[in-house]
């Protein structure tokens, strides 16, 4: 009986360790071209497999399903695809209809301590 309890506790501790959750990552990115800035804020949530894209100039925000690999995060909507390097924080936005790719750079946002 004692052994069964010990095994149950060990499994419970192992399960909790295996399901540790990462905090979402907040990034500010510039995808400008021709000398014109184009600011985009991203919220990357690996545990939920989502990326939220917010266009700073318009306030347009879209939540997209994301695929996470060891070195890249890929997310897309019907019109464009984003590829974010987890190593260099470079970002590429491809618009297949226009056969156009814009490349930019992201930086970590400082998240202030929240009251709630």
PDB file of N, CA and C in Angstrom:
ATOM      1  N   UNK A   1       0.816  -1.193   0.000  1.00  0.00           N
ATOM      2  CA  UNK A   1       0.000   0.000   0.000  1.00  0.00           C
ATOM      3  C   UNK A   1       0.865   1.266   0.000  1.00  0.00           C
ATOM      4  N   UNK A   2       1.922   1.256   0.844  1.00  0.00           N
ATOM      5  CA  UNK A   2       2.817   2.401   0.891  1.00  0.00           C
ATOM      6  C   UNK A   2       3.507   2.616  -0.449  1.00  0.00           C
ATOM      7  N   UNK A   3       3.863   1.497  -1.095  1.00  0.00           N
ATOM      8  CA  UNK A   3       4.525   1.606  -2.390  1.00  0.00           C
ATOM      9  C   UNK A   3       3.584   2.214  -3.432  1.00  0.00           C
ATOM     10  N   UNK A   4       2.306   1.836  -3.400  1.00  0.00           N
ATOM     11  CA  UNK A   4       1.331   2.371  -4.339  1.00  0.00           C
ATOM     12  C   UNK A   4       1.171   3.889  -4.129  1.00  0.00           C
ATOM     13  N   UNK A   5       1.149   4.306  -2.903  1.00  0.00           N
ATOM     14  CA  UNK A   5       1.038   5.739  -2.604  1.00  0.00           C
ATOM     15  C   UNK A   5       2.267   6.472  -3.107  1.00  0.00           C
ATOM     16  N   UNK A   6       3.446   5.908  -2.903  1.00  0.00           N
ATOM     17  CA  UNK A   6       4.686   6.532  -3.363  1.00  0.00           C
ATOM     18  C   UNK A   6       4.695   6.661  -4.889  1.00  0.00           C
ATOM     19  N   UNK A   7       4.250   5.624  -5.583  1.00  0.00           N
ATOM     20  CA  UNK A   7       4.196   5.662  -7.046  1.00  0.00           C
ATOM     21  C   UNK A   7       3.199   6.722  -7.507  1.00  0.00           C
ATOM     22  N   UNK A   8       2.050   6.805  -6.850  1.00  0.00           N
ATOM     23  CA  UNK A   8       1.038   7.804  -7.201  1.00  0.00           C
ATOM     24  C   UNK A   8       1.583   9.223  -7.026  1.00  0.00           C
ATOM     25  N   UNK A   9       2.276   9.466  -5.925  1.00  0.00           N
ATOM     26  CA  UNK A   9       2.860  10.788  -5.688  1.00  0.00           C
ATOM     27  C   UNK A   9       3.928  11.089  -6.735  1.00  0.00           C
ATOM     28  N   UNK A  10       4.773  10.124  -7.038  1.00  0.00           N
ATOM     29  CA  UNK A  10       5.827  10.314  -8.036  1.00  0.00           C
ATOM     30  C   UNK A  10       5.230  10.636  -9.403  1.00  0.00           C
ATOM     31  N   UNK A  11       4.188   9.923  -9.795  1.00  0.00           N
ATOM     32  CA  UNK A  11       3.532  10.207 -11.073  1.00  0.00           C
ATOM     33  C   UNK A  11       2.916  11.592 -11.080  1.00  0.00           C
ATOM     34  N   UNK A  12       2.335  12.000  -9.980  1.00  0.00           N
ATOM     35  CA  UNK A  12       1.748  13.338  -9.891  1.00  0.00           C
ATOM     36  C   UNK A  12       2.798  14.426 -10.043  1.00  0.00           C
ATOM     37  N   UNK A  13       3.935  14.246  -9.395  1.00  0.00           N
ATOM     38  CA  UNK A  13       5.020  15.221  -9.523  1.00  0.00           C
ATOM     39  C   UNK A  13       5.575  15.238 -10.937  1.00  0.00           C
ATOM     40  N   UNK A  14       5.736  14.082 -11.556  1.00  0.00           N
ATOM     41  CA  UNK A  14       6.242  14.006 -12.921  1.00  0.00           C
ATOM     42  C   UNK A  14       5.286  14.686 -13.889  1.00  0.00           C
ATOM     43  N   UNK A  15       3.979  14.453 -13.731  1.00  0.00           N
ATOM     44  CA  UNK A  15       2.981  15.066 -14.605  1.00  0.00           C
ATOM     45  C   UNK A  15       3.015  16.578 -14.488  1.00  0.00           C
ATOM     46  N   UNK A  16       3.100  17.107 -13.289  1.00  0.00           N
ATOM     47  CA  UNK A  16       3.167  18.555 -13.106  1.00  0.00           C
ATOM     48  C   UNK A  16       4.418  19.133 -13.735  1.00  0.00           C
ATOM     49  N   UNK A  17       5.546  18.453 -13.630  1.00  0.00           N
ATOM     50  CA  UNK A  17       6.780  18.947 -14.227  1.00  0.00           C
ATOM     51  C   UNK A  17       6.702  18.915 -15.744  1.00  0.00           C
ATOM     52  N   UNK A  18       6.036  17.930 -16.293  1.00  0.00           N
ATOM     53  CA  UNK A  18       5.952  17.795 -17.744  1.00  0.00           C
ATOM     54  C   UNK A  18       5.006  18.810 -18.363  1.00  0.00           C
ATOM     55  N   UNK A  19       4.105  19.382 -17.587  1.00  0.00           N
ATOM     56  CA  UNK A  19       3.141  20.318 -18.140  1.00  0.00           C
ATOM     57  C   UNK A  19       3.412  21.747 -17.675  1.00  0.00           C
ATOM     58  N   UNK A  20       4.664  22.084 -17.448  1.00  0.00           N
ATOM     59  CA  UNK A  20       5.005  23.454 -17.068  1.00  0.00           C
ATOM     60  C   UNK A  20       4.690  24.384 -18.242  1.00  0.00           C
ATOM     61  N   UNK A  21       4.085  25.501 -17.935  1.00  0.00           N
ATOM     62  CA  UNK A  21       3.657  26.418 -18.976  1.00  0.00           C
ATOM     63  C   UNK A  21       4.617  27.584 -19.117  1.00  0.00           C
ATOM     64  N   UNK A  22       4.903  27.953 -20.355  1.00  0.00           N
ATOM     65  CA  UNK A  22       5.735  29.118 -20.632  1.00  0.00           C
ATOM     66  C   UNK A  22       4.838  30.341 -20.733  1.00  0.00           C
ATOM     67  N   UNK A  23       5.373  31.469 -20.340  1.00  0.00           N
ATOM     68  CA  UNK A  23       4.624  32.715 -20.457  1.00  0.00           C
ATOM     69  C   UNK A  23       4.606  33.158 -21.910  1.00  0.00           C
ATOM     70  N   UNK A  24       3.560  33.859 -22.324  1.00  0.00           N
ATOM     71  CA  UNK A  24       3.569  34.424 -23.682  1.00  0.00           C
ATOM     72  C   UNK A  24       4.733  35.402 -23.838  1.00  0.00           C
ATOM     73  N   UNK A  25       5.221  35.516 -25.050  1.00  0.00           N
ATOM     74  CA  UNK A  25       6.311  36.425 -25.387  1.00  0.00           C
ATOM     75  C   UNK A  25       5.730  37.596 -26.164  1.00  0.00           C
ATOM     76  N   UNK A  26       6.114  38.802 -25.780  1.00  0.00           N
ATOM     77  CA  UNK A  26       5.640  40.012 -26.444  1.00  0.00           C
ATOM     78  C   UNK A  26       6.787  40.629 -27.227  1.00  0.00           C
ATOM     79  N   UNK A  27       6.558  40.893 -28.517  1.00  0.00           N
ATOM     80  CA  UNK A  27       7.580  41.438 -29.402  1.00  0.00           C
ATOM     81  C   UNK A  27       7.070  42.677 -30.115  1.00  0.00           C
ATOM     82  N   UNK A  28       7.963  43.605 -30.378  1.00  0.00           N
ATOM     83  CA  UNK A  28       7.647  44.720 -31.273  1.00  0.00           C
ATOM     84  C   UNK A  28       8.530  44.536 -32.504  1.00  0.00           C
ATOM     85  N   UNK A  29       7.908  44.624 -33.667  1.00  0.00           N
ATOM     86  CA  UNK A  29       8.611  44.333 -34.915  1.00  0.00           C
ATOM     87  C   UNK A  29       8.445  45.497 -35.898  1.00  0.00           C
ATOM     88  N   UNK A  30       9.452  45.656 -36.756  1.00  0.00           N
ATOM     89  CA  UNK A  30       9.364  46.638 -37.835  1.00  0.00           C
ATOM     90  C   UNK A  30       9.489  45.895 -39.156  1.00  0.00           C
ATOM     91  N   UNK A  31       8.418  45.965 -39.941  1.00  0.00           N
ATOM     92  CA  UNK A  31       8.391  45.337 -41.260  1.00  0.00           C
ATOM     93  C   UNK A  31       8.356  46.398 -42.357  1.00  0.00           C
ATOM     94  N   UNK A  32       8.991  47.537 -42.094  1.00  0.00           N
ATOM     95  CA  UNK A  32       8.965  48.643 -43.053  1.00  0.00           C
ATOM     96  C   UNK A  32       9.733  48.334 -44.317  1.00  0.00           C
ATOM     97  N   UNK A  33       9.382  49.076 -45.353  1.00  0.00           N
ATOM     98  CA  UNK A  33      10.114  48.960 -46.609  1.00  0.00           C
ATOM     99  C   UNK A  33      10.159  50.330 -47.274  1.00  0.00           C
ATOM    100  N   UNK A  34      11.124  50.500 -48.135  1.00  0.00           N
ATOM    101  CA  UNK A  34      11.335  51.772 -48.831  1.00  0.00           C
ATOM    102  C   UNK A  34      11.471  52.933 -47.852  1.00  0.00           C
ATOM    103  N   UNK A  35      12.092  52.680 -46.711  1.00  0.00           N
ATOM    104  CA  UNK A  35      12.323  53.729 -45.722  1.00  0.00           C
ATOM    105  C   UNK A  35      11.114  54.104 -44.888  1.00  0.00           C
ATOM    106  N   UNK A  36       9.986  53.438 -45.100  1.00  0.00           N
ATOM    107  CA  UNK A  36       8.775  53.720 -44.338  1.00  0.00           C
ATOM    108  C   UNK A  36       8.594  52.653 -43.269  1.00  0.00           C
ATOM    109  N   UNK A  37       8.497  53.055 -42.000  1.00  0.00           N
ATOM    110  CA  UNK A  37       8.311  52.055 -40.942  1.00  0.00           C
ATOM    111  C   UNK A  37       6.912  51.433 -41.004  1.00  0.00           C
ATOM    112  N   UNK A  38       6.833  50.189 -40.600  1.00  0.00           N
ATOM    113  CA  UNK A  38       5.556  49.494 -40.483  1.00  0.00           C
ATOM    114  C   UNK A  38       5.637  48.666 -39.211  1.00  0.00           C
ATOM    115  N   UNK A  39       5.133  49.231 -38.122  1.00  0.00           N
ATOM    116  CA  UNK A  39       5.267  48.614 -36.803  1.00  0.00           C
ATOM    117  C   UNK A  39       4.158  47.593 -36.563  1.00  0.00           C
ATOM    118  N   UNK A  40       4.571  46.440 -36.068  1.00  0.00           N
ATOM    119  CA  UNK A  40       3.660  45.348 -35.730  1.00  0.00           C
ATOM    120  C   UNK A  40       4.052  44.821 -34.355  1.00  0.00           C
ATOM    121  N   UNK A  41       3.075  44.638 -33.496  1.00  0.00           N
ATOM    122  CA  UNK A  41       3.312  44.002 -32.204  1.00  0.00           C
ATOM    123  C   UNK A  41       2.826  42.560 -32.273  1.00  0.00           C
ATOM    124  N   UNK A  42       3.598  41.658 -31.677  1.00  0.00           N
ATOM    125  CA  UNK A  42       3.241  40.243 -31.670  1.00  0.00           C
ATOM    126  C   UNK A  42       3.148  39.738 -30.239  1.00  0.00           C
ATOM    127  N   UNK A  43       2.224  38.824 -30.022  1.00  0.00           N
ATOM    128  CA  UNK A  43       2.162  38.066 -28.779  1.00  0.00           C
ATOM    129  C   UNK A  43       2.251  36.609 -29.224  1.00  0.00           C
ATOM    130  N   UNK A  44       3.315  35.948 -28.815  1.00  0.00           N
ATOM    131  CA  UNK A  44       3.574  34.569 -29.212  1.00  0.00           C
ATOM    132  C   UNK A  44       3.319  33.670 -28.013  1.00  0.00           C
ATOM    133  N   UNK A  45       2.402  32.726 -28.164  1.00  0.00           N
ATOM    134  CA  UNK A  45       2.037  31.838 -27.059  1.00  0.00           C
ATOM    135  C   UNK A  45       2.201  30.389 -27.522  1.00  0.00           C
ATOM    136  N   UNK A  46       3.332  29.806 -27.164  1.00  0.00           N
ATOM    137  CA  UNK A  46       3.629  28.439 -27.618  1.00  0.00           C
ATOM    138  C   UNK A  46       2.688  27.422 -26.988  1.00  0.00           C
ATOM    139  N   UNK A  47       2.317  27.602 -25.726  1.00  0.00           N
ATOM    140  CA  UNK A  47       1.436  26.644 -25.059  1.00  0.00           C
ATOM    141  C   UNK A  47       0.061  26.566 -25.710  1.00  0.00           C
ATOM    142  N   UNK A  48      -0.423  27.687 -26.225  1.00  0.00           N
ATOM    143  CA  UNK A  48      -1.725  27.728 -26.888  1.00  0.00           C
ATOM    144  C   UNK A  48      -1.613  27.575 -28.409  1.00  0.00           C
ATOM    145  N   UNK A  49      -0.377  27.544 -28.930  1.00  0.00           N
ATOM    146  CA  UNK A  49      -0.104  27.457 -30.379  1.00  0.00           C
ATOM    147  C   UNK A  49      -0.771  28.590 -31.148  1.00  0.00           C
ATOM    148  N   UNK A  50      -0.605  29.816 -30.626  1.00  0.00           N
ATOM    149  CA  UNK A  50      -1.178  30.976 -31.305  1.00  0.00           C
ATOM    150  C   UNK A  50      -0.169  32.116 -31.385  1.00  0.00           C
ATOM    151  N   UNK A  51      -0.407  32.985 -32.352  1.00  0.00           N
ATOM    152  CA  UNK A  51       0.323  34.243 -32.480  1.00  0.00           C
ATOM    153  C   UNK A  51      -0.725  35.325 -32.697  1.00  0.00           C
ATOM    154  N   UNK A  52      -0.629  36.397 -31.946  1.00  0.00           N
ATOM    155  CA  UNK A  52      -1.535  37.526 -32.123  1.00  0.00           C
ATOM    156  C   UNK A  52      -0.748  38.652 -32.774  1.00  0.00           C
ATOM    157  N   UNK A  53      -1.258  39.146 -33.902  1.00  0.00           N
ATOM    158  CA  UNK A  53      -0.608  40.207 -34.667  1.00  0.00           C
ATOM    159  C   UNK A  53      -1.423  41.476 -34.496  1.00  0.00           C
ATOM    160  N   UNK A  54      -0.760  42.566 -34.081  1.00  0.00           N
ATOM    161  CA  UNK A  54      -1.424  43.862 -33.939  1.00  0.00           C
ATOM    162  C   UNK A  54      -0.670  44.890 -34.766  1.00  0.00           C
ATOM    163  N   UNK A  55      -1.362  45.484 -35.739  1.00  0.00           N
ATOM    164  CA  UNK A  55      -0.761  46.535 -36.564  1.00  0.00           C
ATOM    165  C   UNK A  55      -0.891  47.843 -35.790  1.00  0.00           C
ATOM    166  N   UNK A  56       0.238  48.440 -35.446  1.00  0.00           N
ATOM    167  CA  UNK A  56       0.249  49.611 -34.573  1.00  0.00           C
ATOM    168  C   UNK A  56      -0.492  50.792 -35.195  1.00  0.00           C
ATOM    169  N   UNK A  57      -0.302  51.055 -36.480  1.00  0.00           N
ATOM    170  CA  UNK A  57      -0.873  52.251 -37.118  1.00  0.00           C
ATOM    171  C   UNK A  57      -2.395  52.209 -37.230  1.00  0.00           C
ATOM    172  N   UNK A  58      -2.967  51.021 -37.329  1.00  0.00           N
ATOM    173  CA  UNK A  58      -4.418  50.919 -37.524  1.00  0.00           C
ATOM    174  C   UNK A  58      -5.159  50.326 -36.332  1.00  0.00           C
ATOM    175  N   UNK A  59      -4.429  49.625 -35.473  1.00  0.00           N
ATOM    176  CA  UNK A  59      -5.071  48.938 -34.358  1.00  0.00           C
ATOM    177  C   UNK A  59      -5.658  47.590 -34.738  1.00  0.00           C
ATOM    178  N   UNK A  60      -5.521  47.214 -36.005  1.00  0.00           N
ATOM    179  CA  UNK A  60      -6.046  45.923 -36.446  1.00  0.00           C
ATOM    180  C   UNK A  60      -5.308  44.799 -35.721  1.00  0.00           C
ATOM    181  N   UNK A  61      -6.066  43.872 -35.155  1.00  0.00           N
ATOM    182  CA  UNK A  61      -5.485  42.756 -34.409  1.00  0.00           C
ATOM    183  C   UNK A  61      -6.107  41.459 -34.886  1.00  0.00           C
ATOM    184  N   UNK A  62      -5.253  40.462 -35.052  1.00  0.00           N
ATOM    185  CA  UNK A  62      -5.724  39.156 -35.515  1.00  0.00           C
ATOM    186  C   UNK A  62      -4.993  38.059 -34.746  1.00  0.00           C
ATOM    187  N   UNK A  63      -5.749  37.075 -34.305  1.00  0.00           N
ATOM    188  CA  UNK A  63      -5.199  35.920 -33.589  1.00  0.00           C
ATOM    189  C   UNK A  63      -5.113  34.763 -34.578  1.00  0.00           C
ATOM    190  N   UNK A  64      -3.907  34.202 -34.730  1.00  0.00           N
ATOM    191  CA  UNK A  64      -3.670  33.187 -35.749  1.00  0.00           C
ATOM    192  C   UNK A  64      -3.101  31.912 -35.148  1.00  0.00           C
ATOM    193  N   UNK A  65      -3.470  30.752 -35.704  1.00  0.00           N
ATOM    194  CA  UNK A  65      -2.827  29.512 -35.270  1.00  0.00           C
ATOM    195  C   UNK A  65      -1.349  29.559 -35.667  1.00  0.00           C
ATOM    196  N   UNK A  66      -0.494  29.023 -34.817  1.00  0.00           N
ATOM    197  CA  UNK A  66       0.947  29.081 -35.067  1.00  0.00           C
ATOM    198  C   UNK A  66       1.564  27.692 -34.953  1.00  0.00           C
ATOM    199  N   UNK A  67       2.609  27.490 -35.739  1.00  0.00           N
ATOM    200  CA  UNK A  67       3.395  26.263 -35.692  1.00  0.00           C
ATOM    201  C   UNK A  67       4.763  26.622 -35.137  1.00  0.00           C
ATOM    202  N   UNK A  68       5.198  25.870 -34.138  1.00  0.00           N
ATOM    203  CA  UNK A  68       6.468  26.137 -33.465  1.00  0.00           C
ATOM    204  C   UNK A  68       7.457  25.023 -33.775  1.00  0.00           C
ATOM    205  N   UNK A  69       8.634  25.400 -34.253  1.00  0.00           N
ATOM    206  CA  UNK A  69       9.733  24.454 -34.417  1.00  0.00           C
ATOM    207  C   UNK A  69      10.859  24.900 -33.485  1.00  0.00           C
ATOM    208  N   UNK A  70      11.965  24.191 -33.517  1.00  0.00           N
ATOM    209  CA  UNK A  70      13.081  24.538 -32.629  1.00  0.00           C
ATOM    210  C   UNK A  70      13.636  25.924 -32.919  1.00  0.00           C
ATOM    211  N   UNK A  71      13.575  26.370 -34.186  1.00  0.00           N
ATOM    212  CA  UNK A  71      14.180  27.652 -34.527  1.00  0.00           C
ATOM    213  C   UNK A  71      13.252  28.635 -35.244  1.00  0.00           C
ATOM    214  N   UNK A  72      11.950  28.316 -35.334  1.00  0.00           N
ATOM    215  CA  UNK A  72      11.062  29.178 -36.111  1.00  0.00           C
ATOM    216  C   UNK A  72       9.618  29.079 -35.609  1.00  0.00           C
ATOM    217  N   UNK A  73       8.898  30.179 -35.768  1.00  0.00           N
ATOM    218  CA  UNK A  73       7.454  30.206 -35.514  1.00  0.00           C
ATOM    219  C   UNK A  73       6.803  30.654 -36.819  1.00  0.00           C
ATOM    220  N   UNK A  74       5.824  29.887 -37.291  1.00  0.00           N
ATOM    221  CA  UNK A  74       5.145  30.188 -38.558  1.00  0.00           C
ATOM    222  C   UNK A  74       3.659  30.375 -38.268  1.00  0.00           C
ATOM    223  N   UNK A  75       3.087  31.469 -38.772  1.00  0.00           N
ATOM    224  CA  UNK A  75       1.660  31.717 -38.625  1.00  0.00           C
ATOM    225  C   UNK A  75       1.171  32.439 -39.867  1.00  0.00           C
ATOM    226  N   UNK A  76      -0.116  32.196 -40.197  1.00  0.00           N
ATOM    227  CA  UNK A  76      -0.638  32.749 -41.458  1.00  0.00           C
ATOM    228  C   UNK A  76      -2.134  32.984 -41.375  1.00  0.00           C
ATOM    229  N   UNK A  77      -2.589  33.866 -42.242  1.00  0.00           N
ATOM    230  CA  UNK A  77      -4.011  34.014 -42.486  1.00  0.00           C
ATOM    231  C   UNK A  77      -4.241  33.718 -43.968  1.00  0.00           C
ATOM    232  N   UNK A  78      -5.390  34.099 -44.499  1.00  0.00           N
ATOM    233  CA  UNK A  78      -5.692  33.760 -45.894  1.00  0.00           C
ATOM    234  C   UNK A  78      -4.827  34.527 -46.889  1.00  0.00           C
ATOM    235  N   UNK A  79      -4.291  35.682 -46.487  1.00  0.00           N
ATOM    236  CA  UNK A  79      -3.577  36.537 -47.424  1.00  0.00           C
ATOM    237  C   UNK A  79      -2.064  36.557 -47.263  1.00  0.00           C
ATOM    238  N   UNK A  80      -1.576  36.254 -46.073  1.00  0.00           N
ATOM    239  CA  UNK A  80      -0.132  36.350 -45.858  1.00  0.00           C
ATOM    240  C   UNK A  80       0.364  35.327 -44.845  1.00  0.00           C
ATOM    241  N   UNK A  81       1.666  35.085 -44.908  1.00  0.00           N
ATOM    242  CA  UNK A  81       2.325  34.167 -43.979  1.00  0.00           C
ATOM    243  C   UNK A  81       3.473  34.895 -43.311  1.00  0.00           C
ATOM    244  N   UNK A  82       3.619  34.647 -42.003  1.00  0.00           N
ATOM    245  CA  UNK A  82       4.725  35.202 -41.234  1.00  0.00           C
ATOM    246  C   UNK A  82       5.653  34.069 -40.828  1.00  0.00           C
ATOM    247  N   UNK A  83       6.932  34.364 -40.832  1.00  0.00           N
ATOM    248  CA  UNK A  83       7.944  33.429 -40.346  1.00  0.00           C
ATOM    249  C   UNK A  83       8.866  34.202 -39.409  1.00  0.00           C
ATOM    250  N   UNK A  84       8.920  33.779 -38.151  1.00  0.00           N
ATOM    251  CA  UNK A  84       9.696  34.463 -37.125  1.00  0.00           C
ATOM    252  C   UNK A  84      10.818  33.553 -36.650  1.00  0.00           C
ATOM    253  N   UNK A  85      12.053  34.021 -36.753  1.00  0.00           N
ATOM    254  CA  UNK A  85      13.201  33.246 -36.284  1.00  0.00           C
ATOM    255  C   UNK A  85      13.274  33.310 -34.767  1.00  0.00           C
ATOM    256  N   UNK A  86      13.352  32.162 -34.141  1.00  0.00           N
ATOM    257  CA  UNK A  86      13.504  32.099 -32.685  1.00  0.00           C
ATOM    258  C   UNK A  86      14.961  32.321 -32.285  1.00  0.00           C
ATOM    259  N   UNK A  87      15.853  32.355 -33.256  1.00  0.00           N
ATOM    260  CA  UNK A  87      17.280  32.520 -32.996  1.00  0.00           C
ATOM    261  C   UNK A  87      17.706  33.978 -33.167  1.00  0.00           C
ATOM    262  N   UNK A  88      17.358  34.570 -34.311  1.00  0.00           N
ATOM    263  CA  UNK A  88      17.811  35.938 -34.621  1.00  0.00           C
ATOM    264  C   UNK A  88      16.723  36.989 -34.424  1.00  0.00           C
ATOM    265  N   UNK A  89      15.483  36.552 -34.225  1.00  0.00           N
ATOM    266  CA  UNK A  89      14.307  37.420 -34.110  1.00  0.00           C
ATOM    267  C   UNK A  89      14.020  38.199 -35.401  1.00  0.00           C
ATOM    268  N   UNK A  90      14.542  37.701 -36.525  1.00  0.00           N
ATOM    269  CA  UNK A  90      14.188  38.247 -37.827  1.00  0.00           C
ATOM    270  C   UNK A  90      12.787  37.762 -38.170  1.00  0.00           C
ATOM    271  N   UNK A  91      12.031  38.599 -38.866  1.00  0.00           N
ATOM    272  CA  UNK A  91      10.676  38.221 -39.266  1.00  0.00           C
ATOM    273  C   UNK A  91      10.521  38.467 -40.758  1.00  0.00           C
ATOM    274  N   UNK A  92       9.800  37.575 -41.417  1.00  0.00           N
ATOM    275  CA  UNK A  92       9.490  37.723 -42.837  1.00  0.00           C
ATOM    276  C   UNK A  92       7.984  37.599 -43.005  1.00  0.00           C
ATOM    277  N   UNK A  93       7.417  38.516 -43.784  1.00  0.00           N
ATOM    278  CA  UNK A  93       5.989  38.465 -44.109  1.00  0.00           C
ATOM    279  C   UNK A  93       5.876  38.288 -45.619  1.00  0.00           C
ATOM    280  N   UNK A  94       5.235  37.189 -46.023  1.00  0.00           N
ATOM    281  CA  UNK A  94       5.082  36.877 -47.441  1.00  0.00           C
ATOM    282  C   UNK A  94       3.624  37.018 -47.835  1.00  0.00           C
ATOM    283  N   UNK A  95       3.406  37.733 -48.953  1.00  0.00           N
ATOM    284  CA  UNK A  95       2.071  37.880 -49.535  1.00  0.00           C
ATOM    285  C   UNK A  95       2.108  37.141 -50.871  1.00  0.00           C
ATOM    286  N   UNK A  96       1.642  35.880 -50.899  1.00  0.00           N
ATOM    287  CA  UNK A  96       1.740  35.083 -52.119  1.00  0.00           C
ATOM    288  C   UNK A  96       1.055  35.719 -53.332  1.00  0.00           C
ATOM    289  N   UNK A  97      -0.085  36.352 -53.128  1.00  0.00           N
ATOM    290  CA  UNK A  97      -0.816  36.956 -54.239  1.00  0.00           C
ATOM    291  C   UNK A  97       0.028  38.003 -54.963  1.00  0.00           C
ATOM    292  N   UNK A  98       0.810  38.754 -54.213  1.00  0.00           N
ATOM    293  CA  UNK A  98       1.675  39.788 -54.791  1.00  0.00           C
ATOM    294  C   UNK A  98       3.084  39.280 -55.075  1.00  0.00           C
ATOM    295  N   UNK A  99       3.360  38.045 -54.698  1.00  0.00           N
ATOM    296  CA  UNK A  99       4.697  37.465 -54.797  1.00  0.00           C
ATOM    297  C   UNK A  99       5.722  38.405 -54.176  1.00  0.00           C
ATOM    298  N   UNK A 100       5.424  38.815 -52.932  1.00  0.00           N
ATOM    299  CA  UNK A 100       6.248  39.803 -52.255  1.00  0.00           C
ATOM    300  C   UNK A 100       6.571  39.330 -50.837  1.00  0.00           C
ATOM    301  N   UNK A 101       7.819  39.477 -50.452  1.00  0.00           N
ATOM    302  CA  UNK A 101       8.248  39.166 -49.093  1.00  0.00           C
ATOM    303  C   UNK A 101       8.930  40.387 -48.501  1.00  0.00           C
ATOM    304  N   UNK A 102       8.512  40.764 -47.308  1.00  0.00           N
ATOM    305  CA  UNK A 102       9.110  41.869 -46.574  1.00  0.00           C
ATOM    306  C   UNK A 102       9.811  41.290 -45.356  1.00  0.00           C
ATOM    307  N   UNK A 103      11.044  41.726 -45.131  1.00  0.00           N
ATOM    308  CA  UNK A 103      11.843  41.212 -44.024  1.00  0.00           C
ATOM    309  C   UNK A 103      12.071  42.327 -43.020  1.00  0.00           C
ATOM    310  N   UNK A 104      11.989  41.974 -41.736  1.00  0.00           N
ATOM    311  CA  UNK A 104      12.214  42.951 -40.677  1.00  0.00           C
ATOM    312  C   UNK A 104      12.859  42.311 -39.473  1.00  0.00           C
ATOM    313  N   UNK A 105      12.837  43.042 -38.378  1.00  0.00           N
ATOM    314  CA  UNK A 105      13.481  42.597 -37.140  1.00  0.00           C
ATOM    315  C   UNK A 105      12.546  42.856 -35.977  1.00  0.00           C
ATOM    316  N   UNK A 106      12.579  41.975 -34.993  1.00  0.00           N
ATOM    317  CA  UNK A 106      11.759  42.109 -33.792  1.00  0.00           C
ATOM    318  C   UNK A 106      12.647  42.308 -32.571  1.00  0.00           C
ATOM    319  N   UNK A 107      12.056  42.892 -31.542  1.00  0.00           N
ATOM    320  CA  UNK A 107      12.735  43.061 -30.258  1.00  0.00           C
ATOM    321  C   UNK A 107      11.752  42.707 -29.157  1.00  0.00           C
ATOM    322  N   UNK A 108      12.281  42.170 -28.069  1.00  0.00           N
ATOM    323  CA  UNK A 108      11.434  41.854 -26.917  1.00  0.00           C
ATOM    324  C   UNK A 108      10.860  43.125 -26.321  1.00  0.00           C
ATOM    325  N   UNK A 109       9.579  43.089 -25.982  1.00  0.00           N
ATOM    326  CA  UNK A 109       8.955  44.204 -25.281  1.00  0.00           C
ATOM    327  C   UNK A 109       9.138  44.008 -23.783  1.00  0.00           C
ATOM    328  N   UNK A 110       9.346  45.091 -23.075  1.00  0.00           N
ATOM    329  CA  UNK A 110       9.397  45.031 -21.628  1.00  0.00           C
ATOM    330  C   UNK A 110       7.974  44.979 -21.094  1.00  0.00           C
ATOM    331  N   UNK A 111       7.632  43.916 -20.412  1.00  0.00           N
ATOM    332  CA  UNK A 111       6.296  43.768 -19.857  1.00  0.00           C
ATOM    333  C   UNK A 111       6.324  44.280 -18.420  1.00  0.00           C
ATOM    334  N   UNK A 112       5.511  45.287 -18.165  1.00  0.00           N
ATOM    335  CA  UNK A 112       5.460  45.840 -16.806  1.00  0.00           C
ATOM    336  C   UNK A 112       4.737  44.884 -15.872  1.00  0.00           C
ATOM    337  N   UNK A 113       5.067  44.999 -14.603  1.00  0.00           N
ATOM    338  CA  UNK A 113       4.366  44.201 -13.601  1.00  0.00           C
ATOM    339  C   UNK A 113       2.901  44.619 -13.588  1.00  0.00           C
ATOM    340  N   UNK A 114       2.033  43.644 -13.602  1.00  0.00           N
ATOM    341  CA  UNK A 114       0.595  43.919 -13.716  1.00  0.00           C
ATOM    342  C   UNK A 114      -0.073  43.876 -12.357  1.00  0.00           C
ATOM    343  N   UNK A 115      -1.148  44.655 -12.252  1.00  0.00           N
ATOM    344  CA  UNK A 115      -1.922  44.682 -11.014  1.00  0.00           C
ATOM    345  C   UNK A 115      -2.901  43.494 -10.940  1.00  0.00           C
ATOM    346  N   UNK A 116      -3.294  42.952 -12.103  1.00  0.00           N
ATOM    347  CA  UNK A 116      -4.205  41.812 -12.128  1.00  0.00           C
ATOM    348  C   UNK A 116      -3.958  40.950 -13.324  1.00  0.00           C
TER     349      UNK A 116
END
